[in-house]
Amino acid sequence: MGNYPQTEKTLIAVDGGGTKTEFVLITQQGMLLKRLVLSGSNPNLAGMENTIRVLREGIDAMLRVGTDVVGIFVGCAGMGTGNNARTAEAALTAAYPKTRVKCTTDIENVLACADDPQNSIAVICGTGS
């Protein structure tokens, strides 16, 4: 990690839960450039203000690598409750206006790894288990 063209287009992916939040910076071809783990970001446990703080701290660390980040995806436990996903997405879009942002539940992270998401089942056992 570290020797790559500065003009490489990259993506930030976030897997957030009640006890930890993992951030990865990857190229569009899937090469891992940087990984960081911070504290939990479930807004139902941490509160939305703390969730946004953790997300921004991690995203800012990824941006310091100096690549051209074209998208940020946040899959986080607790985002399916009420307006949590929309609130987080609006805050991150305002903070990073030139980058496409999507916030959703952490189930999206699991289903994205399935060969056939339409015919898959996922079980998530996290902090609340």
C-alpha atoms as a PDB file:
ATOM      1  CA  MET A   1       0.000   0.000   0.000  1.00  0.00           C
ATOM      2  CA  GLY A   2       1.312   3.418  -0.874  1.00  0.00           C
ATOM      3  CA  ASN A   3       2.894   3.146  -4.362  1.00  0.00           C
ATOM      4  CA  TYR A   4       0.144   4.136  -6.781  1.00  0.00           C
ATOM      5  CA  PRO A   5      -0.495   6.963  -9.195  1.00  0.00           C
ATOM      6  CA  GLN A   6      -1.856  10.089  -7.513  1.00  0.00           C
ATOM      7  CA  THR A   7      -4.374  10.423 -10.353  1.00  0.00           C
ATOM      8  CA  GLU A   8      -5.918   6.998  -9.673  1.00  0.00           C
ATOM      9  CA  LYS A   9      -9.684   7.251  -9.102  1.00  0.00           C
ATOM     10  CA  THR A  10     -10.574   5.691  -5.769  1.00  0.00           C
ATOM     11  CA  LEU A  11     -13.541   4.858  -3.552  1.00  0.00           C
ATOM     12  CA  ILE A  12     -14.028   4.950   0.204  1.00  0.00           C
ATOM     13  CA  ALA A  13     -16.077   2.126   1.704  1.00  0.00           C
ATOM     14  CA  VAL A  14     -17.226   2.127   5.322  1.00  0.00           C
ATOM     15  CA  ASP A  15     -18.549  -0.742   7.455  1.00  0.00           C
ATOM     16  CA  GLY A  16     -19.987   0.763  10.632  1.00  0.00           C
ATOM     17  CA  GLY A  17     -21.285  -0.973  13.714  1.00  0.00           C
ATOM     18  CA  GLY A  18     -21.829  -0.512  17.405  1.00  0.00           C
ATOM     19  CA  THR A  19     -18.256  -1.215  18.501  1.00  0.00           C
ATOM     20  CA  LYS A  20     -16.085  -0.375  15.493  1.00  0.00           C
ATOM     21  CA  THR A  21     -16.101   1.359  12.128  1.00  0.00           C
ATOM     22  CA  GLU A  22     -13.809   0.147   9.354  1.00  0.00           C
ATOM     23  CA  PHE A  23     -12.776   2.403   6.487  1.00  0.00           C
ATOM     24  CA  VAL A  24     -11.044   1.231   3.322  1.00  0.00           C
ATOM     25  CA  LEU A  25      -9.706   3.200   0.401  1.00  0.00           C
ATOM     26  CA  ILE A  26      -9.727   1.141  -2.791  1.00  0.00           C
ATOM     27  CA  THR A  27      -9.075   1.699  -6.466  1.00  0.00           C
ATOM     28  CA  GLN A  28     -11.945   1.228  -8.891  1.00  0.00           C
ATOM     29  CA  GLN A  29     -10.304  -2.091  -9.788  1.00  0.00           C
ATOM     30  CA  GLY A  30     -10.505  -3.217  -6.141  1.00  0.00           C
ATOM     31  CA  MET A  31      -6.896  -2.747  -4.965  1.00  0.00           C
ATOM     32  CA  LEU A  32      -6.706  -1.906  -1.253  1.00  0.00           C
ATOM     33  CA  LEU A  33      -4.705   1.274  -0.640  1.00  0.00           C
ATOM     34  CA  LYS A  34      -5.472   2.075   3.010  1.00  0.00           C
ATOM     35  CA  ARG A  35      -7.437   0.627   5.924  1.00  0.00           C
ATOM     36  CA  LEU A  36      -8.419   2.273   9.216  1.00  0.00           C
ATOM     37  CA  VAL A  37     -10.528   1.133  12.176  1.00  0.00           C
ATOM     38  CA  LEU A  38     -12.160   3.656  14.523  1.00  0.00           C
ATOM     39  CA  SER A  39     -14.810   3.502  17.259  1.00  0.00           C
ATOM     40  CA  GLY A  40     -18.455   2.549  16.702  1.00  0.00           C
ATOM     41  CA  SER A  41     -20.781   4.570  14.502  1.00  0.00           C
ATOM     42  CA  ASN A  42     -24.257   3.095  14.964  1.00  0.00           C
ATOM     43  CA  PRO A  43     -26.367   6.265  15.372  1.00  0.00           C
ATOM     44  CA  ASN A  44     -28.843   4.433  17.609  1.00  0.00           C
ATOM     45  CA  LEU A  45     -26.039   3.806  20.116  1.00  0.00           C
ATOM     46  CA  ALA A  46     -23.589   6.655  19.540  1.00  0.00           C
ATOM     47  CA  GLY A  47     -26.052   9.385  18.577  1.00  0.00           C
ATOM     48  CA  MET A  48     -26.053  11.052  15.156  1.00  0.00           C
ATOM     49  CA  GLU A  49     -23.568  13.761  16.129  1.00  0.00           C
ATOM     50  CA  ASN A  50     -20.969  11.175  17.217  1.00  0.00           C
ATOM     51  CA  THR A  51     -21.715   9.031  14.168  1.00  0.00           C
ATOM     52  CA  ILE A  52     -20.991  11.946  11.838  1.00  0.00           C
ATOM     53  CA  ARG A  53     -17.825  12.785  13.808  1.00  0.00           C
ATOM     54  CA  VAL A  54     -16.459   9.216  13.462  1.00  0.00           C
ATOM     55  CA  LEU A  55     -17.396   9.032   9.781  1.00  0.00           C
ATOM     56  CA  ARG A  56     -15.755  12.375   8.998  1.00  0.00           C
ATOM     57  CA  GLU A  57     -12.619  11.469  10.956  1.00  0.00           C
ATOM     58  CA  GLY A  58     -12.197   8.254   8.965  1.00  0.00           C
ATOM     59  CA  ILE A  59     -13.095   9.786   5.605  1.00  0.00           C
ATOM     60  CA  ASP A  60     -10.697  12.680   6.211  1.00  0.00           C
ATOM     61  CA  ALA A  61      -7.903  10.171   6.946  1.00  0.00           C
ATOM     62  CA  MET A  62      -8.632   8.400   3.648  1.00  0.00           C
ATOM     63  CA  LEU A  63      -8.631  11.695   1.753  1.00  0.00           C
ATOM     64  CA  ARG A  64      -5.166  12.575   3.094  1.00  0.00           C
ATOM     65  CA  VAL A  65      -3.737   9.780   0.917  1.00  0.00           C
ATOM     66  CA  GLY A  66      -4.068  12.209  -1.988  1.00  0.00           C
ATOM     67  CA  THR A  67      -5.964  10.163  -4.553  1.00  0.00           C
ATOM     68  CA  ASP A  68      -9.013  11.277  -6.533  1.00  0.00           C
ATOM     69  CA  VAL A  69     -11.920   9.942  -4.418  1.00  0.00           C
ATOM     70  CA  VAL A  70     -15.026   9.711  -6.614  1.00  0.00           C
ATOM     71  CA  GLY A  71     -17.381   7.962  -4.206  1.00  0.00           C
ATOM     72  CA  ILE A  72     -18.048   7.286  -0.533  1.00  0.00           C
ATOM     73  CA  PHE A  73     -20.230   4.347   0.508  1.00  0.00           C
ATOM     74  CA  VAL A  74     -21.304   3.987   4.136  1.00  0.00           C
ATOM     75  CA  GLY A  75     -22.995   0.758   5.197  1.00  0.00           C
ATOM     76  CA  CYS A  76     -23.703   1.187   8.883  1.00  0.00           C
ATOM     77  CA  ALA A  77     -25.797  -0.519  11.535  1.00  0.00           C
ATOM     78  CA  GLY A  78     -28.625   1.742  12.679  1.00  0.00           C
ATOM     79  CA  MET A  79     -28.954   3.608   9.383  1.00  0.00           C
ATOM     80  CA  GLY A  80     -32.236   1.852   8.662  1.00  0.00           C
ATOM     81  CA  THR A  81     -33.930   3.519  11.636  1.00  0.00           C
ATOM     82  CA  GLY A  82     -36.054   6.585  10.935  1.00  0.00           C
ATOM     83  CA  ASN A  83     -34.236   9.224   8.891  1.00  0.00           C
ATOM     84  CA  ASN A  84     -30.737   8.158  10.013  1.00  0.00           C
ATOM     85  CA  ALA A  85     -29.438   7.281   6.537  1.00  0.00           C
ATOM     86  CA  ARG A  86     -30.787  10.477   4.985  1.00  0.00           C
ATOM     87  CA  THR A  87     -29.436  12.618   7.822  1.00  0.00           C
ATOM     88  CA  ALA A  88     -25.959  11.069   7.610  1.00  0.00           C
ATOM     89  CA  GLU A  89     -25.937  11.247   3.821  1.00  0.00           C
ATOM     90  CA  ALA A  90     -26.934  14.929   3.867  1.00  0.00           C
ATOM     91  CA  ALA A  91     -24.198  15.757   6.407  1.00  0.00           C
ATOM     92  CA  LEU A  92     -21.520  13.903   4.429  1.00  0.00           C
ATOM     93  CA  THR A  93     -22.680  15.356   1.104  1.00  0.00           C
ATOM     94  CA  ALA A  94     -22.399  18.842   2.607  1.00  0.00           C
ATOM     95  CA  ALA A  95     -18.903  18.048   3.945  1.00  0.00           C
ATOM     96  CA  TYR A  96     -17.697  16.458   0.674  1.00  0.00           C
ATOM     97  CA  PRO A  97     -19.747  18.212  -2.034  1.00  0.00           C
ATOM     98  CA  LYS A  98     -17.601  17.077  -4.982  1.00  0.00           C
ATOM     99  CA  THR A  99     -17.877  13.382  -4.084  1.00  0.00           C
ATOM    100  CA  ARG A 100     -20.847  11.069  -4.561  1.00  0.00           C
ATOM    101  CA  VAL A 101     -22.073   9.809  -1.157  1.00  0.00           C
ATOM    102  CA  LYS A 102     -24.420   6.942  -0.289  1.00  0.00           C
ATOM    103  CA  CYS A 103     -25.429   5.906   3.247  1.00  0.00           C
ATOM    104  CA  THR A 104     -27.430   2.775   3.954  1.00  0.00           C
ATOM    105  CA  THR A 105     -27.646  -0.138   6.387  1.00  0.00           C
ATOM    106  CA  ASP A 106     -24.807  -2.605   6.913  1.00  0.00           C
ATOM    107  CA  ILE A 107     -26.869  -5.377   5.324  1.00  0.00           C
ATOM    108  CA  GLU A 108     -25.940  -3.814   1.971  1.00  0.00           C
ATOM    109  CA  ASN A 109     -22.273  -4.569   2.734  1.00  0.00           C
ATOM    110  CA  VAL A 110     -23.046  -8.254   3.203  1.00  0.00           C
ATOM    111  CA  LEU A 111     -25.326  -8.596   0.181  1.00  0.00           C
ATOM    112  CA  ALA A 112     -22.784  -6.868  -2.066  1.00  0.00           C
ATOM    113  CA  CYS A 113     -20.446  -9.800  -1.397  1.00  0.00           C
ATOM    114  CA  ALA A 114     -22.985 -12.427  -2.459  1.00  0.00           C
ATOM    115  CA  ASP A 115     -22.736 -14.091  -5.859  1.00  0.00           C
ATOM    116  CA  ASP A 116     -26.513 -13.900  -6.204  1.00  0.00           C
ATOM    117  CA  PRO A 117     -27.952 -11.189  -3.912  1.00  0.00           C
ATOM    118  CA  GLN A 118     -31.534 -11.919  -5.023  1.00  0.00           C
ATOM    119  CA  ASN A 119     -31.273 -15.477  -3.669  1.00  0.00           C
ATOM    120  CA  SER A 120     -29.079 -14.971  -0.611  1.00  0.00           C
ATOM    121  CA  ILE A 121     -29.603 -14.796   3.114  1.00  0.00           C
ATOM    122  CA  ALA A 122     -27.373 -12.859   5.500  1.00  0.00           C
ATOM    123  CA  VAL A 123     -27.112 -13.063   9.266  1.00  0.00           C
ATOM    124  CA  ILE A 124     -25.423 -10.192  11.066  1.00  0.00           C
ATOM    125  CA  CYS A 125     -24.430 -10.781  14.679  1.00  0.00           C
ATOM    126  CA  GLY A 126     -22.995  -7.608  16.093  1.00  0.00           C
ATOM    127  CA  THR A 127     -23.083  -5.577  19.268  1.00  0.00           C
ATOM    128  CA  GLY A 128     -26.743  -6.336  20.004  1.00  0.00           C
ATOM    129  CA  SER A 129     -26.329 -10.119  19.827  1.00  0.00           C
END
